Amino acid sequence: MKLLLDTHIALWALSEPERLPGHVVALLRDFNNEVLVSVVSVWEVAIKHSIIRPDGSRKLGISATELLDWMRQVGFDVLPLKPEHCSGADALPWRTNPATGRAHADPFDRMLVAQALAEPLRLITADPLVALHLPDASGLIEKV
């Protein structure tokens, strides 16, 4: 099985593995599975790590370099961004968050969903809003 980790899942695996449920840990450890982290997630981490709050702390404590080094160590691959992924994100419908009534417009989430649909890959996420983009994609999302 080919797995795509949502950014927070990759970060949890790196820095807070206890947050991952057992079935996800088993998927990640299964050598029959190909585990990918999108270059989009690396970009998201780089952006959030570069943001320094007024108190001097970083919005995200892990850098893109640390994420890439860890991925190399554990054998996770980087999924590149292809033109088809971009056009796929453009074609995604805008879904409404039932809790707020607002469209879920996170560009990183939209691109990960587009990549999962285009390849296809099973997207592992704990974000219920990501599932809004895959209502008809049975088997392409693994909710944590």
N, C-alpha and C. Protein backbone atom coordinates (compact mmCIF):
# COMPACT_ATOMS: atom_id res chain seq x y z
N MET A 1 0.85 -1.17 0.00
CA MET A 1 0.00 0.00 0.00
C MET A 1 0.90 1.24 0.00
N LYS A 2 0.48 2.26 -0.71
CA LYS A 2 1.21 3.52 -0.76
C LYS A 2 0.50 4.52 0.15
N LEU A 3 1.24 5.04 1.13
CA LEU A 3 0.68 5.93 2.14
C LEU A 3 1.25 7.33 1.98
N LEU A 4 0.40 8.33 2.10
CA LEU A 4 0.83 9.72 2.14
C LEU A 4 0.49 10.26 3.51
N LEU A 5 1.48 10.78 4.22
CA LEU A 5 1.25 11.31 5.56
C LEU A 5 0.89 12.79 5.49
N ASP A 6 -0.20 13.15 6.14
CA ASP A 6 -0.51 14.56 6.32
C ASP A 6 0.64 15.14 7.15
N THR A 7 0.86 16.43 7.03
CA THR A 7 2.01 17.06 7.68
C THR A 7 2.05 16.78 9.17
N HIS A 8 0.93 16.91 9.85
CA HIS A 8 0.94 16.71 11.30
C HIS A 8 1.23 15.25 11.66
N ILE A 9 0.83 14.32 10.83
CA ILE A 9 1.12 12.91 11.09
C ILE A 9 2.62 12.67 10.98
N ALA A 10 3.25 13.24 9.95
CA ALA A 10 4.71 13.12 9.81
C ALA A 10 5.42 13.74 11.02
N LEU A 11 4.94 14.89 11.47
CA LEU A 11 5.56 15.54 12.63
C LEU A 11 5.35 14.74 13.90
N TRP A 12 4.16 14.16 14.07
CA TRP A 12 3.92 13.32 15.24
C TRP A 12 4.85 12.11 15.22
N ALA A 13 5.00 11.50 14.05
CA ALA A 13 5.88 10.33 13.94
C ALA A 13 7.30 10.70 14.32
N LEU A 14 7.71 11.92 14.02
CA LEU A 14 9.06 12.39 14.32
C LEU A 14 9.23 12.77 15.79
N SER A 15 8.30 13.56 16.31
CA SER A 15 8.52 14.14 17.63
C SER A 15 7.57 13.69 18.73
N GLU A 16 6.43 13.13 18.36
CA GLU A 16 5.44 12.70 19.35
C GLU A 16 4.80 11.38 18.92
N PRO A 17 5.59 10.33 18.74
CA PRO A 17 5.03 9.07 18.22
C PRO A 17 3.92 8.48 19.10
N GLU A 18 3.90 8.84 20.36
CA GLU A 18 2.85 8.33 21.25
C GLU A 18 1.47 8.83 20.85
N ARG A 19 1.38 9.86 20.04
CA ARG A 19 0.10 10.39 19.58
C ARG A 19 -0.51 9.53 18.47
N LEU A 20 0.30 8.69 17.85
CA LEU A 20 -0.19 7.86 16.75
C LEU A 20 -0.86 6.60 17.29
N PRO A 21 -2.05 6.29 16.80
CA PRO A 21 -2.70 5.04 17.23
C PRO A 21 -1.93 3.83 16.70
N GLY A 22 -2.12 2.72 17.37
CA GLY A 22 -1.39 1.50 17.03
C GLY A 22 -1.53 1.07 15.59
N HIS A 23 -2.72 1.20 15.00
CA HIS A 23 -2.89 0.75 13.62
C HIS A 23 -2.08 1.61 12.65
N VAL A 24 -1.89 2.89 12.97
CA VAL A 24 -1.07 3.75 12.11
C VAL A 24 0.41 3.39 12.27
N VAL A 25 0.83 3.16 13.49
CA VAL A 25 2.22 2.72 13.73
C VAL A 25 2.49 1.44 12.95
N ALA A 26 1.55 0.51 12.98
CA ALA A 26 1.71 -0.75 12.26
C ALA A 26 1.83 -0.51 10.76
N LEU A 27 1.02 0.39 10.21
CA LEU A 27 1.11 0.73 8.79
C LEU A 27 2.48 1.31 8.44
N LEU A 28 2.98 2.19 9.31
CA LEU A 28 4.27 2.84 9.05
C LEU A 28 5.43 1.87 9.16
N ARG A 29 5.30 0.87 10.02
CA ARG A 29 6.39 -0.10 10.22
C ARG A 29 6.34 -1.26 9.24
N ASP A 30 5.26 -1.40 8.52
CA ASP A 30 5.11 -2.51 7.59
C ASP A 30 5.95 -2.24 6.35
N PHE A 31 6.98 -3.06 6.14
CA PHE A 31 7.91 -2.85 5.03
C PHE A 31 7.25 -3.07 3.67
N ASN A 32 6.05 -3.62 3.65
CA ASN A 32 5.32 -3.78 2.39
C ASN A 32 4.67 -2.47 1.95
N ASN A 33 4.60 -1.51 2.87
CA ASN A 33 4.00 -0.21 2.55
C ASN A 33 5.07 0.79 2.14
N GLU A 34 4.74 1.60 1.17
CA GLU A 34 5.61 2.71 0.78
C GLU A 34 5.06 3.95 1.47
N VAL A 35 5.89 4.59 2.30
CA VAL A 35 5.45 5.76 3.06
C VAL A 35 6.07 7.01 2.44
N LEU A 36 5.18 7.95 2.11
CA LEU A 36 5.61 9.19 1.47
C LEU A 36 5.18 10.39 2.28
N VAL A 37 6.03 11.41 2.25
CA VAL A 37 5.70 12.72 2.79
C VAL A 37 5.86 13.68 1.62
N SER A 38 4.85 14.47 1.39
CA SER A 38 4.86 15.37 0.24
C SER A 38 5.86 16.50 0.42
N VAL A 39 6.44 16.92 -0.69
CA VAL A 39 7.26 18.12 -0.67
C VAL A 39 6.43 19.32 -0.21
N VAL A 40 5.12 19.23 -0.38
CA VAL A 40 4.21 20.27 0.11
C VAL A 40 4.29 20.35 1.64
N SER A 41 4.40 19.21 2.31
CA SER A 41 4.53 19.21 3.76
C SER A 41 5.88 19.78 4.19
N VAL A 42 6.91 19.46 3.43
CA VAL A 42 8.24 20.03 3.73
C VAL A 42 8.17 21.55 3.61
N TRP A 43 7.50 22.03 2.59
CA TRP A 43 7.31 23.47 2.38
C TRP A 43 6.51 24.07 3.54
N GLU A 44 5.43 23.41 3.94
CA GLU A 44 4.61 23.89 5.06
C GLU A 44 5.44 24.00 6.33
N VAL A 45 6.25 22.98 6.61
CA VAL A 45 7.10 23.00 7.80
C VAL A 45 8.10 24.15 7.71
N ALA A 46 8.70 24.34 6.54
CA ALA A 46 9.67 25.43 6.37
C ALA A 46 9.03 26.79 6.65
N ILE A 47 7.83 26.99 6.12
CA ILE A 47 7.14 28.27 6.33
C ILE A 47 6.82 28.46 7.81
N LYS A 48 6.24 27.44 8.44
CA LYS A 48 5.83 27.59 9.84
C LYS A 48 7.03 27.67 10.78
N HIS A 49 8.12 27.01 10.45
CA HIS A 49 9.34 27.10 11.28
C HIS A 49 9.96 28.50 11.18
N SER A 50 9.79 29.16 10.04
CA SER A 50 10.40 30.48 9.85
C SER A 50 9.63 31.59 10.56
N ILE A 51 8.42 31.32 11.01
CA ILE A 51 7.61 32.34 11.68
C ILE A 51 8.04 32.43 13.14
N ILE A 52 8.47 33.62 13.52
CA ILE A 52 8.88 33.85 14.90
C ILE A 52 7.82 34.69 15.59
N ARG A 53 7.34 34.16 16.69
CA ARG A 53 6.29 34.83 17.46
C ARG A 53 6.86 36.02 18.22
N PRO A 54 5.97 36.90 18.74
CA PRO A 54 6.45 38.06 19.50
C PRO A 54 7.32 37.69 20.70
N ASP A 55 7.09 36.51 21.28
CA ASP A 55 7.90 36.10 22.44
C ASP A 55 9.24 35.48 22.04
N GLY A 56 9.51 35.44 20.73
CA GLY A 56 10.78 34.91 20.24
C GLY A 56 10.75 33.43 19.90
N SER A 57 9.67 32.75 20.23
CA SER A 57 9.58 31.33 19.92
C SER A 57 9.13 31.15 18.47
N ARG A 58 9.42 29.99 17.93
CA ARG A 58 9.02 29.68 16.57
C ARG A 58 7.62 29.06 16.58
N LYS A 59 6.86 29.31 15.52
CA LYS A 59 5.52 28.72 15.41
C LYS A 59 5.62 27.21 15.39
N LEU A 60 6.68 26.69 14.78
CA LEU A 60 6.91 25.25 14.71
C LEU A 60 8.37 25.00 15.08
N GLY A 61 8.59 24.10 16.03
CA GLY A 61 9.93 23.86 16.55
C GLY A 61 10.81 22.98 15.69
N ILE A 62 10.25 22.33 14.69
CA ILE A 62 11.02 21.43 13.83
C ILE A 62 11.22 22.11 12.48
N SER A 63 12.45 22.08 11.99
CA SER A 63 12.74 22.70 10.70
C SER A 63 12.53 21.70 9.56
N ALA A 64 12.46 22.24 8.36
CA ALA A 64 12.33 21.38 7.17
C ALA A 64 13.56 20.49 7.04
N THR A 65 14.72 20.99 7.37
CA THR A 65 15.96 20.19 7.31
C THR A 65 15.88 19.02 8.28
N GLU A 66 15.39 19.27 9.49
CA GLU A 66 15.24 18.18 10.47
C GLU A 66 14.24 17.15 9.97
N LEU A 67 13.15 17.60 9.39
CA LEU A 67 12.15 16.69 8.85
C LEU A 67 12.75 15.82 7.75
N LEU A 68 13.47 16.44 6.82
CA LEU A 68 14.09 15.69 5.72
C LEU A 68 15.14 14.70 6.23
N ASP A 69 15.96 15.13 7.19
CA ASP A 69 16.98 14.23 7.77
C ASP A 69 16.31 13.02 8.41
N TRP A 70 15.25 13.26 9.17
CA TRP A 70 14.54 12.17 9.83
C TRP A 70 13.92 11.23 8.81
N MET A 71 13.34 11.80 7.75
CA MET A 71 12.72 10.97 6.71
C MET A 71 13.76 10.05 6.07
N ARG A 72 14.95 10.58 5.82
CA ARG A 72 16.02 9.76 5.25
C ARG A 72 16.40 8.63 6.20
N GLN A 73 16.46 8.94 7.48
CA GLN A 73 16.85 7.94 8.48
C GLN A 73 15.86 6.79 8.56
N VAL A 74 14.58 7.09 8.47
CA VAL A 74 13.56 6.05 8.62
C VAL A 74 13.11 5.45 7.29
N GLY A 75 13.58 6.02 6.18
CA GLY A 75 13.27 5.45 4.88
C GLY A 75 11.98 5.93 4.24
N PHE A 76 11.43 7.05 4.70
CA PHE A 76 10.25 7.61 4.05
C PHE A 76 10.71 8.41 2.83
N ASP A 77 9.92 8.36 1.77
CA ASP A 77 10.26 9.05 0.53
C ASP A 77 9.53 10.38 0.43
N VAL A 78 10.11 11.29 -0.35
CA VAL A 78 9.47 12.57 -0.62
C VAL A 78 8.66 12.44 -1.90
N LEU A 79 7.40 12.82 -1.83
CA LEU A 79 6.54 12.86 -3.01
C LEU A 79 6.71 14.22 -3.66
N PRO A 80 7.22 14.26 -4.90
CA PRO A 80 7.36 15.56 -5.56
C PRO A 80 6.01 16.13 -5.97
N LEU A 81 6.03 17.39 -6.30
CA LEU A 81 4.82 18.06 -6.78
C LEU A 81 4.84 18.03 -8.30
N LYS A 82 3.76 17.52 -8.88
CA LYS A 82 3.64 17.41 -10.33
C LYS A 82 2.58 18.39 -10.84
N PRO A 83 2.68 18.78 -12.10
CA PRO A 83 1.65 19.67 -12.66
C PRO A 83 0.23 19.10 -12.50
N GLU A 84 0.10 17.77 -12.61
CA GLU A 84 -1.22 17.15 -12.46
C GLU A 84 -1.79 17.34 -11.05
N HIS A 85 -0.91 17.40 -10.07
CA HIS A 85 -1.36 17.64 -8.70
C HIS A 85 -1.93 19.06 -8.60
N CYS A 86 -1.25 20.00 -9.23
CA CYS A 86 -1.72 21.39 -9.18
C CYS A 86 -3.07 21.55 -9.86
N SER A 87 -3.23 20.94 -11.02
CA SER A 87 -4.52 21.04 -11.69
C SER A 87 -5.59 20.27 -10.92
N GLY A 88 -5.19 19.21 -10.23
CA GLY A 88 -6.13 18.48 -9.40
C GLY A 88 -6.62 19.30 -8.22
N ALA A 89 -5.72 20.07 -7.63
CA ALA A 89 -6.12 20.94 -6.52
C ALA A 89 -7.07 22.02 -7.01
N ASP A 90 -6.82 22.50 -8.21
CA ASP A 90 -7.69 23.52 -8.80
C ASP A 90 -9.10 22.97 -9.04
N ALA A 91 -9.18 21.68 -9.33
CA ALA A 91 -10.47 21.06 -9.65
C ALA A 91 -11.24 20.62 -8.40
N LEU A 92 -10.60 20.62 -7.24
CA LEU A 92 -11.31 20.18 -6.02
C LEU A 92 -12.46 21.13 -5.70
N PRO A 93 -13.61 20.58 -5.36
CA PRO A 93 -14.71 21.47 -4.96
C PRO A 93 -14.40 22.11 -3.61
N TRP A 94 -15.00 23.23 -3.38
CA TRP A 94 -14.86 23.90 -2.08
C TRP A 94 -15.87 23.29 -1.12
N ARG A 95 -15.37 22.71 -0.06
CA ARG A 95 -16.23 22.06 0.93
C ARG A 95 -16.42 22.99 2.12
N THR A 96 -17.60 22.92 2.70
CA THR A 96 -17.93 23.77 3.85
C THR A 96 -17.69 23.01 5.15
N ASN A 97 -17.02 23.68 6.05
CA ASN A 97 -16.81 23.14 7.39
C ASN A 97 -18.14 23.21 8.12
N PRO A 98 -18.71 22.06 8.51
CA PRO A 98 -20.03 22.09 9.16
C PRO A 98 -20.03 22.85 10.48
N ALA A 99 -18.91 22.91 11.16
CA ALA A 99 -18.85 23.59 12.46
C ALA A 99 -18.88 25.11 12.31
N THR A 100 -18.28 25.62 11.24
CA THR A 100 -18.18 27.08 11.10
C THR A 100 -18.99 27.64 9.94
N GLY A 101 -19.38 26.77 8.99
CA GLY A 101 -20.07 27.24 7.81
C GLY A 101 -19.14 27.88 6.78
N ARG A 102 -17.83 27.89 7.05
CA ARG A 102 -16.87 28.48 6.14
C ARG A 102 -16.22 27.39 5.29
N ALA A 103 -15.78 27.78 4.12
CA ALA A 103 -15.07 26.85 3.23
C ALA A 103 -13.73 26.48 3.85
N HIS A 104 -13.40 25.19 3.75
CA HIS A 104 -12.09 24.73 4.20
C HIS A 104 -11.12 25.00 3.06
N ALA A 105 -10.27 25.99 3.23
CA ALA A 105 -9.46 26.48 2.13
C ALA A 105 -7.96 26.34 2.37
N ASP A 106 -7.54 25.52 3.32
CA ASP A 106 -6.11 25.37 3.60
C ASP A 106 -5.40 24.87 2.34
N PRO A 107 -4.49 25.67 1.78
CA PRO A 107 -3.87 25.27 0.52
C PRO A 107 -3.00 24.02 0.64
N PHE A 108 -2.39 23.81 1.78
CA PHE A 108 -1.57 22.61 1.97
C PHE A 108 -2.46 21.37 1.97
N ASP A 109 -3.57 21.42 2.70
CA ASP A 109 -4.51 20.29 2.73
C ASP A 109 -5.05 20.00 1.33
N ARG A 110 -5.43 21.04 0.61
CA ARG A 110 -5.99 20.84 -0.73
C ARG A 110 -4.97 20.16 -1.65
N MET A 111 -3.71 20.54 -1.55
CA MET A 111 -2.70 19.94 -2.41
C MET A 111 -2.44 18.48 -2.01
N LEU A 112 -2.42 18.18 -0.72
CA LEU A 112 -2.24 16.79 -0.28
C LEU A 112 -3.39 15.92 -0.78
N VAL A 113 -4.60 16.43 -0.70
CA VAL A 113 -5.76 15.69 -1.21
C VAL A 113 -5.63 15.47 -2.71
N ALA A 114 -5.23 16.51 -3.43
CA ALA A 114 -5.06 16.37 -4.88
C ALA A 114 -3.99 15.34 -5.21
N GLN A 115 -2.91 15.31 -4.44
CA GLN A 115 -1.87 14.31 -4.67
C GLN A 115 -2.40 12.91 -4.38
N ALA A 116 -3.13 12.76 -3.29
CA ALA A 116 -3.68 11.44 -2.93
C ALA A 116 -4.62 10.93 -4.03
N LEU A 117 -5.43 11.82 -4.58
CA LEU A 117 -6.35 11.43 -5.64
C LEU A 117 -5.63 11.10 -6.94
N ALA A 118 -4.62 11.87 -7.28
CA ALA A 118 -3.93 11.71 -8.56
C ALA A 118 -3.07 10.46 -8.62
N GLU A 119 -2.48 10.06 -7.52
CA GLU A 119 -1.48 8.99 -7.58
C GLU A 119 -2.04 7.57 -7.74
N PRO A 120 -2.98 7.02 -7.14
CA PRO A 120 -3.63 7.35 -5.88
C PRO A 120 -2.82 6.83 -4.68
N LEU A 121 -3.02 7.50 -3.56
CA LEU A 121 -2.35 7.17 -2.30
C LEU A 121 -3.38 7.20 -1.19
N ARG A 122 -3.13 6.46 -0.13
CA ARG A 122 -3.98 6.56 1.05
C ARG A 122 -3.42 7.67 1.92
N LEU A 123 -4.20 8.71 2.13
CA LEU A 123 -3.81 9.87 2.93
C LEU A 123 -4.13 9.60 4.39
N ILE A 124 -3.11 9.65 5.23
CA ILE A 124 -3.31 9.42 6.67
C ILE A 124 -3.34 10.78 7.35
N THR A 125 -4.45 11.06 8.03
CA THR A 125 -4.66 12.36 8.66
C THR A 125 -5.49 12.21 9.93
N ALA A 126 -5.31 13.15 10.82
CA ALA A 126 -6.18 13.25 11.99
C ALA A 126 -7.09 14.47 11.87
N ASP A 127 -7.02 15.16 10.76
CA ASP A 127 -7.78 16.38 10.55
C ASP A 127 -9.13 16.05 9.92
N PRO A 128 -10.22 16.20 10.66
CA PRO A 128 -11.53 15.86 10.09
C PRO A 128 -11.91 16.75 8.91
N LEU A 129 -11.32 17.93 8.81
CA LEU A 129 -11.64 18.81 7.70
C LEU A 129 -11.06 18.30 6.39
N VAL A 130 -9.96 17.56 6.45
CA VAL A 130 -9.40 16.99 5.23
C VAL A 130 -10.38 16.00 4.62
N ALA A 131 -11.08 15.27 5.47
CA ALA A 131 -12.07 14.30 4.99
C ALA A 131 -13.19 14.96 4.20
N LEU A 132 -13.41 16.25 4.41
CA LEU A 132 -14.42 16.96 3.64
C LEU A 132 -14.12 16.91 2.14
N HIS A 133 -12.83 16.84 1.81
CA HIS A 133 -12.44 16.84 0.40
C HIS A 133 -12.52 15.48 -0.24
N LEU A 134 -12.69 14.44 0.56
CA LEU A 134 -12.70 13.08 0.02
C LEU A 134 -13.98 12.32 0.36
N PRO A 135 -15.13 12.94 0.22
CA PRO A 135 -16.35 12.26 0.63
C PRO A 135 -16.69 11.04 -0.22
N ASP A 136 -16.22 11.02 -1.45
CA ASP A 136 -16.55 9.92 -2.34
C ASP A 136 -15.33 9.06 -2.68
N ALA A 137 -14.25 9.25 -1.93
CA ALA A 137 -13.00 8.54 -2.24
C ALA A 137 -12.76 7.44 -1.20
N SER A 138 -13.64 6.48 -1.19
CA SER A 138 -13.53 5.38 -0.24
C SER A 138 -12.16 4.71 -0.37
N GLY A 139 -11.53 4.51 0.78
CA GLY A 139 -10.23 3.84 0.82
C GLY A 139 -9.06 4.76 0.60
N LEU A 140 -9.28 6.04 0.31
CA LEU A 140 -8.16 6.94 0.09
C LEU A 140 -7.83 7.80 1.31
N ILE A 141 -8.57 7.64 2.38
CA ILE A 141 -8.26 8.41 3.57
C ILE A 141 -8.29 7.48 4.78
N GLU A 142 -7.28 7.62 5.60
CA GLU A 142 -7.18 6.86 6.84
C GLU A 142 -7.25 7.88 7.96
N LYS A 143 -8.38 7.94 8.64
CA LYS A 143 -8.55 8.90 9.72
C LYS A 143 -7.96 8.32 11.01
N VAL A 144 -7.18 9.14 11.67
CA VAL A 144 -6.54 8.75 12.92
C VAL A 144 -7.46 9.08 14.06
